[in-house]
Amino acid sequence: MTSLPFWRCGNEPNKKAISDAFWQLLEERPYNKITVQNIVEYCQVNRNPFYYHFQDIPALTEYSIQEWTEENSKIIVNLERRSNALP
């Protein structure tokens, strides 16, 4: 596993960075094998930033799926606009 911090110069990771770590870990192992410890090790921080943003892994999962859905919805809308603008 490659551990790369998602932030710069001592800033604590934000929700997005923790979510990105979660997605990366999902590529490496099954959901039921991902722990808070895995996530914070990947982010190279202690547990405090995780628990500041999320109650537990299911809360992180819900947030991550909502963010993914919103991001992809925006992409779809933009693609639809482009296709409607074509002659």
C-alpha atoms as a PDB file:
ATOM      1  CA  MET A   1       0.000   0.000   0.000  1.00  0.00           C
ATOM      2  CA  THR A   2       1.322   3.410  -0.959  1.00  0.00           C
ATOM      3  CA  SER A   3       0.788   6.033   1.714  1.00  0.00           C
ATOM      4  CA  LEU A   4       0.650   9.561   0.421  1.00  0.00           C
ATOM      5  CA  PRO A   5      -0.641  12.467   2.476  1.00  0.00           C
ATOM      6  CA  PHE A   6      -3.547  14.294   0.877  1.00  0.00           C
ATOM      7  CA  TRP A   7      -2.763  17.695   2.337  1.00  0.00           C
ATOM      8  CA  ARG A   8       0.074  20.166   2.490  1.00  0.00           C
ATOM      9  CA  CYS A   9       2.433  21.356   5.228  1.00  0.00           C
ATOM     10  CA  GLY A  10       0.809  20.013   8.363  1.00  0.00           C
ATOM     11  CA  ASN A  11      -2.806  20.802   7.546  1.00  0.00           C
ATOM     12  CA  GLU A  12      -5.165  18.161   8.848  1.00  0.00           C
ATOM     13  CA  PRO A  13      -6.899  16.100   6.173  1.00  0.00           C
ATOM     14  CA  ASN A  14     -10.390  17.218   5.283  1.00  0.00           C
ATOM     15  CA  LYS A  15     -13.436  15.058   4.692  1.00  0.00           C
ATOM     16  CA  LYS A  16     -12.606  14.722   1.003  1.00  0.00           C
ATOM     17  CA  ALA A  17      -9.078  13.506   1.737  1.00  0.00           C
ATOM     18  CA  ILE A  18     -10.366  10.887   4.164  1.00  0.00           C
ATOM     19  CA  SER A  19     -12.998   9.857   1.623  1.00  0.00           C
ATOM     20  CA  ASP A  20     -10.329   9.577  -1.081  1.00  0.00           C
ATOM     21  CA  ALA A  21      -8.300   7.319   1.202  1.00  0.00           C
ATOM     22  CA  PHE A  22     -11.403   5.205   1.749  1.00  0.00           C
ATOM     23  CA  TRP A  23     -11.924   4.798  -2.027  1.00  0.00           C
ATOM     24  CA  GLN A  24      -8.274   3.894  -2.488  1.00  0.00           C
ATOM     25  CA  LEU A  25      -8.489   1.248   0.231  1.00  0.00           C
ATOM     26  CA  LEU A  26     -11.660  -0.132  -1.389  1.00  0.00           C
ATOM     27  CA  GLU A  27      -9.579  -0.844  -4.474  1.00  0.00           C
ATOM     28  CA  GLU A  28      -7.162  -2.857  -2.355  1.00  0.00           C
ATOM     29  CA  ARG A  29      -9.462  -4.831  -0.056  1.00  0.00           C
ATOM     30  CA  PRO A  30     -13.117  -5.673   0.649  1.00  0.00           C
ATOM     31  CA  TYR A  31     -15.303  -3.175   2.510  1.00  0.00           C
ATOM     32  CA  ASN A  32     -15.607  -5.378   5.590  1.00  0.00           C
ATOM     33  CA  LYS A  33     -11.803  -5.470   5.898  1.00  0.00           C
ATOM     34  CA  ILE A  34     -11.357  -1.677   6.004  1.00  0.00           C
ATOM     35  CA  THR A  35     -10.849  -0.216   9.459  1.00  0.00           C
ATOM     36  CA  VAL A  36     -10.495   3.292  10.814  1.00  0.00           C
ATOM     37  CA  GLN A  37      -6.908   2.350  11.586  1.00  0.00           C
ATOM     38  CA  ASN A  38      -6.296   1.526   7.902  1.00  0.00           C
ATOM     39  CA  ILE A  39      -7.696   4.891   6.844  1.00  0.00           C
ATOM     40  CA  VAL A  40      -5.715   6.971   9.329  1.00  0.00           C
ATOM     41  CA  GLU A  41      -2.531   5.060   8.528  1.00  0.00           C
ATOM     42  CA  TYR A  42      -3.100   5.784   4.850  1.00  0.00           C
ATOM     43  CA  CYS A  43      -3.591   9.486   5.668  1.00  0.00           C
ATOM     44  CA  GLN A  44      -0.620   9.401   8.060  1.00  0.00           C
ATOM     45  CA  VAL A  45      -2.542  10.924  10.970  1.00  0.00           C
ATOM     46  CA  ASN A  46      -4.019   9.776  14.256  1.00  0.00           C
ATOM     47  CA  ARG A  47      -7.717   8.984  14.650  1.00  0.00           C
ATOM     48  CA  ASN A  48      -8.787  12.497  15.683  1.00  0.00           C
ATOM     49  CA  PRO A  49      -9.319  13.888  12.162  1.00  0.00           C
ATOM     50  CA  PHE A  50     -11.372  10.842  11.208  1.00  0.00           C
ATOM     51  CA  TYR A  51     -13.663  11.102  14.226  1.00  0.00           C
ATOM     52  CA  TYR A  52     -13.904  14.880  13.850  1.00  0.00           C
ATOM     53  CA  HIS A  53     -15.615  14.329  10.482  1.00  0.00           C
ATOM     54  CA  PHE A  54     -17.239  10.897  10.809  1.00  0.00           C
ATOM     55  CA  GLN A  55     -18.862   8.833  13.523  1.00  0.00           C
ATOM     56  CA  ASP A  56     -17.772   5.543  11.979  1.00  0.00           C
ATOM     57  CA  ILE A  57     -17.042   3.739   8.705  1.00  0.00           C
ATOM     58  CA  PRO A  58     -20.730   3.565   7.681  1.00  0.00           C
ATOM     59  CA  ALA A  59     -20.974   7.362   8.070  1.00  0.00           C
ATOM     60  CA  LEU A  60     -17.871   7.733   5.904  1.00  0.00           C
ATOM     61  CA  THR A  61     -19.380   5.340   3.378  1.00  0.00           C
ATOM     62  CA  GLU A  62     -22.596   7.349   3.193  1.00  0.00           C
ATOM     63  CA  TYR A  63     -20.687  10.616   2.758  1.00  0.00           C
ATOM     64  CA  SER A  64     -18.409   9.089   0.116  1.00  0.00           C
ATOM     65  CA  ILE A  65     -21.293   7.717  -1.924  1.00  0.00           C
ATOM     66  CA  GLN A  66     -23.185  11.017  -1.726  1.00  0.00           C
ATOM     67  CA  GLU A  67     -20.113  12.939  -2.882  1.00  0.00           C
ATOM     68  CA  TRP A  68     -19.491  10.464  -5.700  1.00  0.00           C
ATOM     69  CA  THR A  69     -23.113  10.750  -6.808  1.00  0.00           C
ATOM     70  CA  GLU A  70     -23.040  14.551  -6.779  1.00  0.00           C
ATOM     71  CA  GLU A  71     -19.759  14.692  -8.713  1.00  0.00           C
ATOM     72  CA  ASN A  72     -20.981  12.264 -11.353  1.00  0.00           C
ATOM     73  CA  SER A  73     -24.353  13.983 -11.629  1.00  0.00           C
ATOM     74  CA  LYS A  74     -22.546  17.228 -12.472  1.00  0.00           C
ATOM     75  CA  ILE A  75     -20.523  15.433 -15.129  1.00  0.00           C
ATOM     76  CA  ILE A  76     -23.680  13.964 -16.665  1.00  0.00           C
ATOM     77  CA  VAL A  77     -25.417  17.350 -16.706  1.00  0.00           C
ATOM     78  CA  ASN A  78     -22.395  18.925 -18.417  1.00  0.00           C
ATOM     79  CA  LEU A  79     -22.287  16.157 -21.001  1.00  0.00           C
ATOM     80  CA  GLU A  80     -25.997  16.553 -21.682  1.00  0.00           C
ATOM     81  CA  ARG A  81     -25.545  20.311 -22.135  1.00  0.00           C
ATOM     82  CA  ARG A  82     -22.718  19.734 -24.584  1.00  0.00           C
ATOM     83  CA  SER A  83     -24.670  17.188 -26.582  1.00  0.00           C
ATOM     84  CA  ASN A  84     -27.706  19.530 -26.738  1.00  0.00           C
ATOM     85  CA  ALA A  85     -25.471  22.351 -27.941  1.00  0.00           C
ATOM     86  CA  LEU A  86     -24.227  20.340 -30.907  1.00  0.00           C
ATOM     87  CA  PRO A  87     -25.831  21.144 -34.257  1.00  0.00           C
END
